[in-house]
Amino acid sequence: MLHYVYLINRFQLHHKSKEMMEKLRKVSEELGRDYEFVVNDTPEQAHRALERFRDKDYVITAIGGDGSINHVLNAIVGTGNILSFIPHGTGNDFCRTCMESMENGIHEVDLIRVNDRYCINVACFGIDADIANDDTFIHSRWIPRTMRFNAGVIGHFLRYKRGRRLRVESNGEVREGNFATVIAANCRYYGSGYHVSPHSSLDDGKMDVLEAGALHKFRMARLILKMKNARHLGSPDLKIYETDRLVVSAETPFKANIDGEPILSDRFELEMVPRAIRLDFNRDFIKRCL
């Protein structure tokens, strides 16, 4: 029988921690699950707690948004642990892909290695990363969660100029110049429901890449907003292709965003790692715990 470990990070769930534990306890006991709670008050405590479960066939359940999943993923990849999640964050974009495309059960899924970290959902560079990294909008208490990325688009539209100068290498080609955005997708959604890569799959061994060069600010904003409902496909402003390796670099360090988390470097080497981690997915369990 699988043993489930539910990570209750009170620094993220705050006053909802007790409510979440009650839901998890009720549903788990109804399903006859073997489980335990691990309650953490700081990120450092959460990281140390995961060390207890290394090299064991446990299902480690991240409770939070895409960033929480990313942190747990990077702590357990290469161990005997199985990843699971309960979506409880700002974006929950990884969950959208799973709900749309995955059957219940344990699956071997691909990851994108980005330098020394792993990404399970989307890595982005350019204005998308600037928006996702901007706490003014993404973590604002005053903007509804579903509108925060839209608000960021408007905010960054007002100060957008010519994009970011980047060097992009893939499939034997090199492109250098100003880019509005470069997106490497393992899943289908980002930015709280933007349907950026509707054909992406978690087990095809390929990342789907979308590149947009230097665009006028109105065309840039229109392109990003079209991504909300996958109306950007076929746009002459986009170069779309598949690859298993991508390098994005610049002369000076800049911030990218992977699974909702910022990462700083002057060179990002992305490589697909097929079937790199096991994922336990149960849509009925998730729905009952929300």
C-alpha atoms as a PDB file:
ATOM      1  CA  MET A   1       0.000   0.000   0.000  1.00  0.00           C
ATOM      2  CA  LEU A   2       1.239   3.483  -0.851  1.00  0.00           C
ATOM      3  CA  HIS A   3       2.015   5.836   2.008  1.00  0.00           C
ATOM      4  CA  TYR A   4       0.909   9.450   1.451  1.00  0.00           C
ATOM      5  CA  VAL A   5       2.737  12.387   3.023  1.00  0.00           C
ATOM      6  CA  TYR A   6       0.724  15.626   3.046  1.00  0.00           C
ATOM      7  CA  LEU A   7       2.903  18.730   3.364  1.00  0.00           C
ATOM      8  CA  ILE A   8       1.018  21.369   5.358  1.00  0.00           C
ATOM      9  CA  ASN A   9       3.041  24.563   4.975  1.00  0.00           C
ATOM     10  CA  ARG A  10       1.415  27.034   7.326  1.00  0.00           C
ATOM     11  CA  PHE A  11       3.545  29.865   5.930  1.00  0.00           C
ATOM     12  CA  GLN A  12       1.574  29.394   2.676  1.00  0.00           C
ATOM     13  CA  LEU A  13      -1.851  28.125   3.780  1.00  0.00           C
ATOM     14  CA  HIS A  14      -2.045  30.433   6.836  1.00  0.00           C
ATOM     15  CA  HIS A  15      -5.508  30.269   8.448  1.00  0.00           C
ATOM     16  CA  LYS A  16      -6.662  27.621   5.945  1.00  0.00           C
ATOM     17  CA  SER A  17      -4.188  25.018   7.233  1.00  0.00           C
ATOM     18  CA  LYS A  18      -6.621  23.459   9.723  1.00  0.00           C
ATOM     19  CA  GLU A  19      -9.453  23.362   7.170  1.00  0.00           C
ATOM     20  CA  MET A  20      -7.212  21.672   4.597  1.00  0.00           C
ATOM     21  CA  MET A  21      -6.070  19.058   7.124  1.00  0.00           C
ATOM     22  CA  GLU A  22      -9.679  18.225   8.002  1.00  0.00           C
ATOM     23  CA  LYS A  23     -10.580  17.746   4.336  1.00  0.00           C
ATOM     24  CA  LEU A  24      -7.530  15.583   3.691  1.00  0.00           C
ATOM     25  CA  ARG A  25      -8.207  13.490   6.800  1.00  0.00           C
ATOM     26  CA  LYS A  26     -11.847  12.915   5.900  1.00  0.00           C
ATOM     27  CA  VAL A  27     -11.290  11.968   2.258  1.00  0.00           C
ATOM     28  CA  SER A  28      -8.184   9.876   2.985  1.00  0.00           C
ATOM     29  CA  GLU A  29      -9.960   7.819   5.632  1.00  0.00           C
ATOM     30  CA  GLU A  30     -12.942   7.280   3.352  1.00  0.00           C
ATOM     31  CA  LEU A  31     -10.572   5.940   0.693  1.00  0.00           C
ATOM     32  CA  GLY A  32      -8.583   3.845   3.152  1.00  0.00           C
ATOM     33  CA  ARG A  33      -5.324   5.676   2.485  1.00  0.00           C
ATOM     34  CA  ASP A  34      -2.241   5.235   4.659  1.00  0.00           C
ATOM     35  CA  TYR A  35      -1.171   8.816   5.349  1.00  0.00           C
ATOM     36  CA  GLU A  36       0.501  11.315   7.633  1.00  0.00           C
ATOM     37  CA  PHE A  37       0.699  15.104   7.917  1.00  0.00           C
ATOM     38  CA  VAL A  38       3.973  17.003   7.999  1.00  0.00           C
ATOM     39  CA  VAL A  39       3.326  20.523   9.308  1.00  0.00           C
ATOM     40  CA  ASN A  40       5.918  23.214   8.552  1.00  0.00           C
ATOM     41  CA  ASP A  41       6.101  26.840   9.667  1.00  0.00           C
ATOM     42  CA  THR A  42       9.000  27.994   7.463  1.00  0.00           C
ATOM     43  CA  PRO A  43      10.402  27.097   4.003  1.00  0.00           C
ATOM     44  CA  GLU A  44      13.588  25.859   5.689  1.00  0.00           C
ATOM     45  CA  GLN A  45      11.586  23.537   7.910  1.00  0.00           C
ATOM     46  CA  ALA A  46       9.688  22.199   4.894  1.00  0.00           C
ATOM     47  CA  HIS A  47      12.934  21.463   3.064  1.00  0.00           C
ATOM     48  CA  ARG A  48      14.420  19.650   6.069  1.00  0.00           C
ATOM     49  CA  ALA A  49      11.236  17.619   6.503  1.00  0.00           C
ATOM     50  CA  LEU A  50      11.547  16.152   3.010  1.00  0.00           C
ATOM     51  CA  GLU A  51      14.951  14.697   3.887  1.00  0.00           C
ATOM     52  CA  ARG A  52      13.172  12.173   6.142  1.00  0.00           C
ATOM     53  CA  PHE A  53      11.480  10.568   3.165  1.00  0.00           C
ATOM     54  CA  ARG A  54      14.340  10.262   0.696  1.00  0.00           C
ATOM     55  CA  ASP A  55      14.757   6.913  -1.031  1.00  0.00           C
ATOM     56  CA  LYS A  56      11.384   5.647   0.178  1.00  0.00           C
ATOM     57  CA  ASP A  57       8.411   4.739  -1.979  1.00  0.00           C
ATOM     58  CA  TYR A  58       6.227   7.481  -0.497  1.00  0.00           C
ATOM     59  CA  VAL A  59       3.820   9.810  -2.271  1.00  0.00           C
ATOM     60  CA  ILE A  60       4.841  13.358  -1.356  1.00  0.00           C
ATOM     61  CA  THR A  61       1.895  15.725  -1.795  1.00  0.00           C
ATOM     62  CA  ALA A  62       2.549  19.417  -2.423  1.00  0.00           C
ATOM     63  CA  ILE A  63      -0.347  21.615  -1.308  1.00  0.00           C
ATOM     64  CA  GLY A  64      -0.157  25.006  -2.990  1.00  0.00           C
ATOM     65  CA  GLY A  65       0.429  26.547  -6.388  1.00  0.00           C
ATOM     66  CA  ASP A  66       2.833  25.734  -9.197  1.00  0.00           C
ATOM     67  CA  GLY A  67       5.734  27.149  -7.194  1.00  0.00           C
ATOM     68  CA  SER A  68       5.033  24.747  -4.322  1.00  0.00           C
ATOM     69  CA  ILE A  69       4.942  21.822  -6.736  1.00  0.00           C
ATOM     70  CA  ASN A  70       8.256  22.995  -8.194  1.00  0.00           C
ATOM     71  CA  HIS A  71       9.916  23.128  -4.772  1.00  0.00           C
ATOM     72  CA  VAL A  72       8.773  19.622  -3.835  1.00  0.00           C
ATOM     73  CA  LEU A  73       9.665  18.306  -7.276  1.00  0.00           C
ATOM     74  CA  ASN A  74      13.234  19.595  -7.004  1.00  0.00           C
ATOM     75  CA  ALA A  75      13.589  18.125  -3.512  1.00  0.00           C
ATOM     76  CA  ILE A  76      12.492  14.595  -4.484  1.00  0.00           C
ATOM     77  CA  VAL A  77      13.629  14.126  -8.100  1.00  0.00           C
ATOM     78  CA  GLY A  78      16.071  11.245  -8.263  1.00  0.00           C
ATOM     79  CA  THR A  79      14.720   9.632  -5.076  1.00  0.00           C
ATOM     80  CA  GLY A  80      12.210   6.832  -4.692  1.00  0.00           C
ATOM     81  CA  ASN A  81       9.445   9.331  -3.938  1.00  0.00           C
ATOM     82  CA  ILE A  82       6.320   9.878  -6.028  1.00  0.00           C
ATOM     83  CA  LEU A  83       5.034  13.413  -6.592  1.00  0.00           C
ATOM     84  CA  SER A  84       1.419  14.418  -5.991  1.00  0.00           C
ATOM     85  CA  PHE A  85      -0.360  17.728  -5.430  1.00  0.00           C
ATOM     86  CA  ILE A  86      -3.444  19.585  -4.255  1.00  0.00           C
ATOM     87  CA  PRO A  87      -3.782  22.889  -6.186  1.00  0.00           C
ATOM     88  CA  HIS A  88      -4.068  25.783  -3.762  1.00  0.00           C
ATOM     89  CA  GLY A  89      -2.186  28.684  -5.314  1.00  0.00           C
ATOM     90  CA  THR A  90      -2.459  31.729  -7.527  1.00  0.00           C
ATOM     91  CA  GLY A  91      -2.082  29.994 -10.889  1.00  0.00           C
ATOM     92  CA  ASN A  92      -2.608  26.217 -10.557  1.00  0.00           C
ATOM     93  CA  ASP A  93      -1.689  25.867 -14.233  1.00  0.00           C
ATOM     94  CA  PHE A  94      -0.047  22.463 -13.877  1.00  0.00           C
ATOM     95  CA  CYS A  95      -3.298  21.128 -12.462  1.00  0.00           C
ATOM     96  CA  ARG A  96      -5.204  22.424 -15.509  1.00  0.00           C
ATOM     97  CA  THR A  97      -3.085  20.305 -17.846  1.00  0.00           C
ATOM     98  CA  CYS A  98      -3.482  17.213 -15.666  1.00  0.00           C
ATOM     99  CA  MET A  99      -7.250  17.660 -15.371  1.00  0.00           C
ATOM    100  CA  GLU A 100      -7.546  18.079 -19.125  1.00  0.00           C
ATOM    101  CA  SER A 101      -5.278  15.293 -20.348  1.00  0.00           C
ATOM    102  CA  MET A 102      -4.463  12.727 -17.669  1.00  0.00           C
ATOM    103  CA  GLU A 103      -6.176   9.585 -16.391  1.00  0.00           C
ATOM    104  CA  ASN A 104      -6.153   8.643 -12.719  1.00  0.00           C
ATOM    105  CA  GLY A 105      -3.113   6.649 -11.672  1.00  0.00           C
ATOM    106  CA  ILE A 106       0.664   6.825 -11.402  1.00  0.00           C
ATOM    107  CA  HIS A 107       2.404   8.207 -14.482  1.00  0.00           C
ATOM    108  CA  GLU A 108       6.023   8.665 -15.506  1.00  0.00           C
ATOM    109  CA  VAL A 109       6.286  12.274 -16.711  1.00  0.00           C
ATOM    110  CA  ASP A 110       8.924  14.390 -18.420  1.00  0.00           C
ATOM    111  CA  LEU A 111      10.784  17.287 -16.856  1.00  0.00           C
ATOM    112  CA  ILE A 112      12.773  20.171 -18.307  1.00  0.00           C
ATOM    113  CA  ARG A 113      16.142  20.590 -16.637  1.00  0.00           C
ATOM    114  CA  VAL A 114      16.945  24.330 -16.485  1.00  0.00           C
ATOM    115  CA  ASN A 115      20.592  24.687 -15.437  1.00  0.00           C
ATOM    116  CA  ASP A 116      20.619  22.951 -12.046  1.00  0.00           C
ATOM    117  CA  ARG A 117      16.850  23.016 -11.443  1.00  0.00           C
ATOM    118  CA  TYR A 118      13.899  21.113 -12.860  1.00  0.00           C
ATOM    119  CA  CYS A 119      10.718  22.492 -14.404  1.00  0.00           C
ATOM    120  CA  ILE A 120       7.508  20.504 -14.834  1.00  0.00           C
ATOM    121  CA  ASN A 121       5.207  23.135 -16.333  1.00  0.00           C
ATOM    122  CA  VAL A 122       6.573  26.167 -18.238  1.00  0.00           C
ATOM    123  CA  ALA A 123       9.820  28.144 -18.376  1.00  0.00           C
ATOM    124  CA  CYS A 124       9.602  31.652 -19.834  1.00  0.00           C
ATOM    125  CA  PHE A 125      11.981  34.456 -20.716  1.00  0.00           C
ATOM    126  CA  GLY A 126      11.193  38.063 -21.585  1.00  0.00           C
ATOM    127  CA  ILE A 127       8.049  39.979 -20.728  1.00  0.00           C
ATOM    128  CA  ASP A 128       6.212  36.827 -19.584  1.00  0.00           C
ATOM    129  CA  ALA A 129       8.909  36.233 -16.976  1.00  0.00           C
ATOM    130  CA  ASP A 130       8.885  39.910 -15.977  1.00  0.00           C
ATOM    131  CA  ILE A 131       5.126  39.721 -15.387  1.00  0.00           C
ATOM    132  CA  ALA A 132       5.285  36.417 -13.507  1.00  0.00           C
ATOM    133  CA  ASN A 133       8.144  37.683 -11.312  1.00  0.00           C
ATOM    134  CA  ASP A 134       6.431  40.971 -10.426  1.00  0.00           C
ATOM    135  CA  ASP A 135       5.019  40.613  -6.905  1.00  0.00           C
ATOM    136  CA  THR A 136       3.230  43.956  -7.302  1.00  0.00           C
ATOM    137  CA  PHE A 137       0.617  42.117  -9.359  1.00  0.00           C
ATOM    138  CA  ILE A 138       1.091  38.357  -8.895  1.00  0.00           C
ATOM    139  CA  HIS A 139       0.831  38.343  -5.084  1.00  0.00           C
ATOM    140  CA  SER A 140      -1.383  41.390  -4.617  1.00  0.00           C
ATOM    141  CA  ARG A 141      -4.153  40.985  -2.049  1.00  0.00           C
ATOM    142  CA  TRP A 142      -6.212  43.626  -3.830  1.00  0.00           C
ATOM    143  CA  ILE A 143      -6.414  41.940  -7.255  1.00  0.00           C
ATOM    144  CA  PRO A 144      -8.508  38.753  -7.702  1.00  0.00           C
ATOM    145  CA  ARG A 145      -6.296  35.732  -8.386  1.00  0.00           C
ATOM    146  CA  THR A 146      -7.748  35.119 -11.843  1.00  0.00           C
ATOM    147  CA  MET A 147      -6.967  38.711 -12.883  1.00  0.00           C
ATOM    148  CA  ARG A 148      -3.425  39.108 -11.554  1.00  0.00           C
ATOM    149  CA  PHE A 149      -1.598  38.035 -14.712  1.00  0.00           C
ATOM    150  CA  ASN A 150      -3.926  40.241 -16.796  1.00  0.00           C
ATOM    151  CA  ALA A 151      -3.134  43.143 -14.493  1.00  0.00           C
ATOM    152  CA  GLY A 152       0.563  42.405 -14.938  1.00  0.00           C
ATOM    153  CA  VAL A 153       0.157  42.448 -18.722  1.00  0.00           C
ATOM    154  CA  ILE A 154      -1.363  45.930 -18.503  1.00  0.00           C
ATOM    155  CA  GLY A 155       1.271  47.174 -16.070  1.00  0.00           C
ATOM    156  CA  HIS A 156       4.195  45.922 -18.139  1.00  0.00           C
ATOM    157  CA  PHE A 157       2.554  47.043 -21.372  1.00  0.00           C
ATOM    158  CA  LEU A 158       2.782  50.630 -20.142  1.00  0.00           C
ATOM    159  CA  ARG A 159       6.575  50.406 -19.715  1.00  0.00           C
ATOM    160  CA  TYR A 160       7.380  47.977 -22.522  1.00  0.00           C
ATOM    161  CA  LYS A 161       9.895  49.199 -25.111  1.00  0.00           C
ATOM    162  CA  ARG A 162      11.794  46.875 -27.427  1.00  0.00           C
ATOM    163  CA  GLY A 163      11.893  43.570 -25.586  1.00  0.00           C
ATOM    164  CA  ARG A 164      15.017  41.907 -24.215  1.00  0.00           C
ATOM    165  CA  ARG A 165      18.179  41.245 -26.196  1.00  0.00           C
ATOM    166  CA  LEU A 166      18.759  37.478 -26.152  1.00  0.00           C
ATOM    167  CA  ARG A 167      20.632  34.735 -27.940  1.00  0.00           C
ATOM    168  CA  VAL A 168      18.467  31.661 -28.592  1.00  0.00           C
ATOM    169  CA  GLU A 169      19.976  28.344 -29.718  1.00  0.00           C
ATOM    170  CA  SER A 170      17.913  25.309 -30.735  1.00  0.00           C
ATOM    171  CA  ASN A 171      17.845  22.543 -33.345  1.00  0.00           C
ATOM    172  CA  GLY A 172      21.185  23.669 -34.775  1.00  0.00           C
ATOM    173  CA  GLU A 173      20.047  27.279 -35.292  1.00  0.00           C
ATOM    174  CA  VAL A 174      21.090  30.469 -33.519  1.00  0.00           C
ATOM    175  CA  ARG A 175      18.940  33.602 -33.355  1.00  0.00           C
ATOM    176  CA  GLU A 176      20.158  36.799 -31.716  1.00  0.00           C
ATOM    177  CA  GLY A 177      18.255  40.018 -31.237  1.00  0.00           C
ATOM    178  CA  ASN A 178      15.432  41.581 -29.254  1.00  0.00           C
ATOM    179  CA  PHE A 179      12.717  39.175 -28.114  1.00  0.00           C
ATOM    180  CA  ALA A 180       9.369  40.009 -26.586  1.00  0.00           C
ATOM    181  CA  THR A 181       9.170  36.485 -25.186  1.00  0.00           C
ATOM    182  CA  VAL A 182      10.565  32.963 -25.348  1.00  0.00           C
ATOM    183  CA  ILE A 183       8.412  30.221 -23.798  1.00  0.00           C
ATOM    184  CA  ALA A 184       9.417  26.592 -23.273  1.00  0.00           C
ATOM    185  CA  ALA A 185       6.381  24.495 -22.413  1.00  0.00           C
ATOM    186  CA  ASN A 186       6.118  21.000 -20.981  1.00  0.00           C
ATOM    187  CA  CYS A 187       2.435  21.596 -20.179  1.00  0.00           C
ATOM    188  CA  ARG A 188      -0.416  23.563 -21.728  1.00  0.00           C
ATOM    189  CA  TYR A 189      -1.134  26.498 -19.424  1.00  0.00           C
ATOM    190  CA  TYR A 190       0.622  29.341 -17.640  1.00  0.00           C
ATOM    191  CA  GLY A 191      -0.258  32.739 -16.167  1.00  0.00           C
ATOM    192  CA  SER A 192      -3.414  31.562 -14.352  1.00  0.00           C
ATOM    193  CA  GLY A 193      -5.084  29.870 -17.293  1.00  0.00           C
ATOM    194  CA  TYR A 194      -3.403  31.229 -20.420  1.00  0.00           C
ATOM    195  CA  HIS A 195      -3.679  28.373 -22.944  1.00  0.00           C
ATOM    196  CA  VAL A 196      -0.191  28.946 -24.268  1.00  0.00           C
ATOM    197  CA  SER A 197       0.681  25.482 -25.629  1.00  0.00           C
ATOM    198  CA  PRO A 198      -2.483  23.418 -26.214  1.00  0.00           C
ATOM    199  CA  HIS A 199      -0.665  20.504 -27.855  1.00  0.00           C
ATOM    200  CA  SER A 200       1.964  19.963 -25.159  1.00  0.00           C
ATOM    201  CA  SER A 201       2.191  16.549 -23.519  1.00  0.00           C
ATOM    202  CA  LEU A 202       3.859  15.452 -20.300  1.00  0.00           C
ATOM    203  CA  ASP A 203       5.268  12.269 -21.799  1.00  0.00           C
ATOM    204  CA  ASP A 204       6.355  13.014 -25.391  1.00  0.00           C
ATOM    205  CA  GLY A 205      10.009  13.827 -24.629  1.00  0.00           C
ATOM    206  CA  LYS A 206       9.749  17.255 -26.277  1.00  0.00           C
ATOM    207  CA  MET A 207       9.302  20.840 -25.128  1.00  0.00           C
ATOM    208  CA  ASP A 208       7.167  23.161 -27.230  1.00  0.00           C
ATOM    209  CA  VAL A 209       8.872  26.507 -27.785  1.00  0.00           C
ATOM    210  CA  LEU A 210       7.198  29.789 -28.719  1.00  0.00           C
ATOM    211  CA  GLU A 211       9.342  32.752 -29.717  1.00  0.00           C
ATOM    212  CA  ALA A 212       8.241  36.310 -30.447  1.00  0.00           C
ATOM    213  CA  GLY A 213      10.777  38.862 -31.654  1.00  0.00           C
ATOM    214  CA  ALA A 214      10.756  42.588 -31.022  1.00  0.00           C
ATOM    215  CA  LEU A 215       7.123  43.692 -31.406  1.00  0.00           C
ATOM    216  CA  HIS A 216       5.381  47.017 -31.141  1.00  0.00           C
ATOM    217  CA  LYS A 217       3.859  47.198 -27.652  1.00  0.00           C
ATOM    218  CA  PHE A 218       0.278  46.960 -28.929  1.00  0.00           C
ATOM    219  CA  ARG A 219       1.038  43.840 -30.980  1.00  0.00           C
ATOM    220  CA  MET A 220       2.865  42.349 -28.015  1.00  0.00           C
ATOM    221  CA  ALA A 221      -0.053  42.918 -25.646  1.00  0.00           C
ATOM    222  CA  ARG A 222      -2.542  41.606 -28.210  1.00  0.00           C
ATOM    223  CA  LEU A 223      -0.459  38.467 -28.726  1.00  0.00           C
ATOM    224  CA  ILE A 224      -0.240  37.695 -25.007  1.00  0.00           C
ATOM    225  CA  LEU A 225      -3.956  38.266 -24.473  1.00  0.00           C
ATOM    226  CA  LYS A 226      -4.752  35.940 -27.405  1.00  0.00           C
ATOM    227  CA  MET A 227      -2.936  33.205 -25.508  1.00  0.00           C
ATOM    228  CA  LYS A 228      -5.775  33.191 -22.981  1.00  0.00           C
ATOM    229  CA  ASN A 229      -7.904  31.107 -25.349  1.00  0.00           C
ATOM    230  CA  ALA A 230      -5.218  29.649 -27.652  1.00  0.00           C
ATOM    231  CA  ARG A 231      -6.032  32.163 -30.403  1.00  0.00           C
ATOM    232  CA  HIS A 232      -2.341  32.931 -30.903  1.00  0.00           C
ATOM    233  CA  LEU A 233      -1.573  29.755 -32.863  1.00  0.00           C
ATOM    234  CA  GLY A 234      -0.766  30.575 -36.469  1.00  0.00           C
ATOM    235  CA  SER A 235       0.200  34.161 -35.617  1.00  0.00           C
ATOM    236  CA  PRO A 236       2.907  35.529 -37.939  1.00  0.00           C
ATOM    237  CA  ASP A 237       4.479  37.101 -34.844  1.00  0.00           C
ATOM    238  CA  LEU A 238       5.320  33.675 -33.393  1.00  0.00           C
ATOM    239  CA  LYS A 239       7.866  31.014 -34.204  1.00  0.00           C
ATOM    240  CA  ILE A 240       6.613  27.674 -32.778  1.00  0.00           C
ATOM    241  CA  TYR A 241       8.599  24.437 -32.776  1.00  0.00           C
ATOM    242  CA  GLU A 242       9.526  21.321 -30.780  1.00  0.00           C
ATOM    243  CA  THR A 243      12.955  20.547 -29.385  1.00  0.00           C
ATOM    244  CA  ASP A 244      14.677  18.549 -26.669  1.00  0.00           C
ATOM    245  CA  ARG A 245      17.342  21.201 -26.010  1.00  0.00           C
ATOM    246  CA  LEU A 246      17.240  24.991 -25.858  1.00  0.00           C
ATOM    247  CA  VAL A 247      19.764  27.612 -24.743  1.00  0.00           C
ATOM    248  CA  VAL A 248      18.702  31.181 -23.898  1.00  0.00           C
ATOM    249  CA  SER A 249      21.464  33.609 -22.953  1.00  0.00           C
ATOM    250  CA  ALA A 250      22.325  37.301 -22.664  1.00  0.00           C
ATOM    251  CA  GLU A 251      25.371  39.442 -22.012  1.00  0.00           C
ATOM    252  CA  THR A 252      24.251  40.224 -18.461  1.00  0.00           C
ATOM    253  CA  PRO A 253      22.220  38.198 -15.933  1.00  0.00           C
ATOM    254  CA  PHE A 254      18.440  38.418 -16.217  1.00  0.00           C
ATOM    255  CA  LYS A 255      15.480  36.781 -14.495  1.00  0.00           C
ATOM    256  CA  ALA A 256      13.582  33.930 -16.068  1.00  0.00           C
ATOM    257  CA  ASN A 257      10.576  32.198 -14.518  1.00  0.00           C
ATOM    258  CA  ILE A 258      10.113  28.453 -14.120  1.00  0.00           C
ATOM    259  CA  ASP A 259       6.836  27.086 -12.769  1.00  0.00           C
ATOM    260  CA  GLY A 260       6.056  30.484 -11.274  1.00  0.00           C
ATOM    261  CA  GLU A 261       9.441  30.823  -9.549  1.00  0.00           C
ATOM    262  CA  PRO A 262      12.142  33.382 -10.490  1.00  0.00           C
ATOM    263  CA  ILE A 263      15.626  32.208 -11.463  1.00  0.00           C
ATOM    264  CA  LEU A 264      18.590  34.469 -12.303  1.00  0.00           C
ATOM    265  CA  SER A 265      21.426  33.771 -14.765  1.00  0.00           C
ATOM    266  CA  ASP A 266      23.045  35.041 -17.948  1.00  0.00           C
ATOM    267  CA  ARG A 267      22.718  31.593 -19.563  1.00  0.00           C
ATOM    268  CA  PHE A 268      19.864  29.100 -19.284  1.00  0.00           C
ATOM    269  CA  GLU A 269      20.437  25.621 -20.676  1.00  0.00           C
ATOM    270  CA  LEU A 270      17.182  23.689 -21.033  1.00  0.00           C
ATOM    271  CA  GLU A 271      17.171  19.966 -21.669  1.00  0.00           C
ATOM    272  CA  MET A 272      14.305  17.484 -21.715  1.00  0.00           C
ATOM    273  CA  VAL A 273      14.578  14.601 -19.243  1.00  0.00           C
ATOM    274  CA  PRO A 274      12.025  11.985 -20.365  1.00  0.00           C
ATOM    275  CA  ARG A 275      10.058  10.138 -17.685  1.00  0.00           C
ATOM    276  CA  ALA A 276      12.109  11.759 -14.948  1.00  0.00           C
ATOM    277  CA  ILE A 277       9.614  11.472 -12.092  1.00  0.00           C
ATOM    278  CA  ARG A 278       6.511   9.513 -11.130  1.00  0.00           C
ATOM    279  CA  LEU A 279       3.305  11.479 -10.618  1.00  0.00           C
ATOM    280  CA  ASP A 280       0.289  10.217  -8.681  1.00  0.00           C
ATOM    281  CA  PHE A 281      -2.843  11.879 -10.051  1.00  0.00           C
ATOM    282  CA  ASN A 282      -6.410  11.430  -8.835  1.00  0.00           C
ATOM    283  CA  ARG A 283      -8.838  14.081 -10.087  1.00  0.00           C
ATOM    284  CA  ASP A 284     -11.659  12.911  -7.793  1.00  0.00           C
ATOM    285  CA  PHE A 285      -9.445  13.173  -4.704  1.00  0.00           C
ATOM    286  CA  ILE A 286      -8.342  16.667  -5.750  1.00  0.00           C
ATOM    287  CA  LYS A 287     -11.897  17.878  -6.341  1.00  0.00           C
ATOM    288  CA  ARG A 288     -13.055  16.582  -2.957  1.00  0.00           C
ATOM    289  CA  CYS A 289     -10.206  18.349  -1.166  1.00  0.00           C
ATOM    290  CA  LEU A 290     -10.752  21.774  -2.731  1.00  0.00           C
END
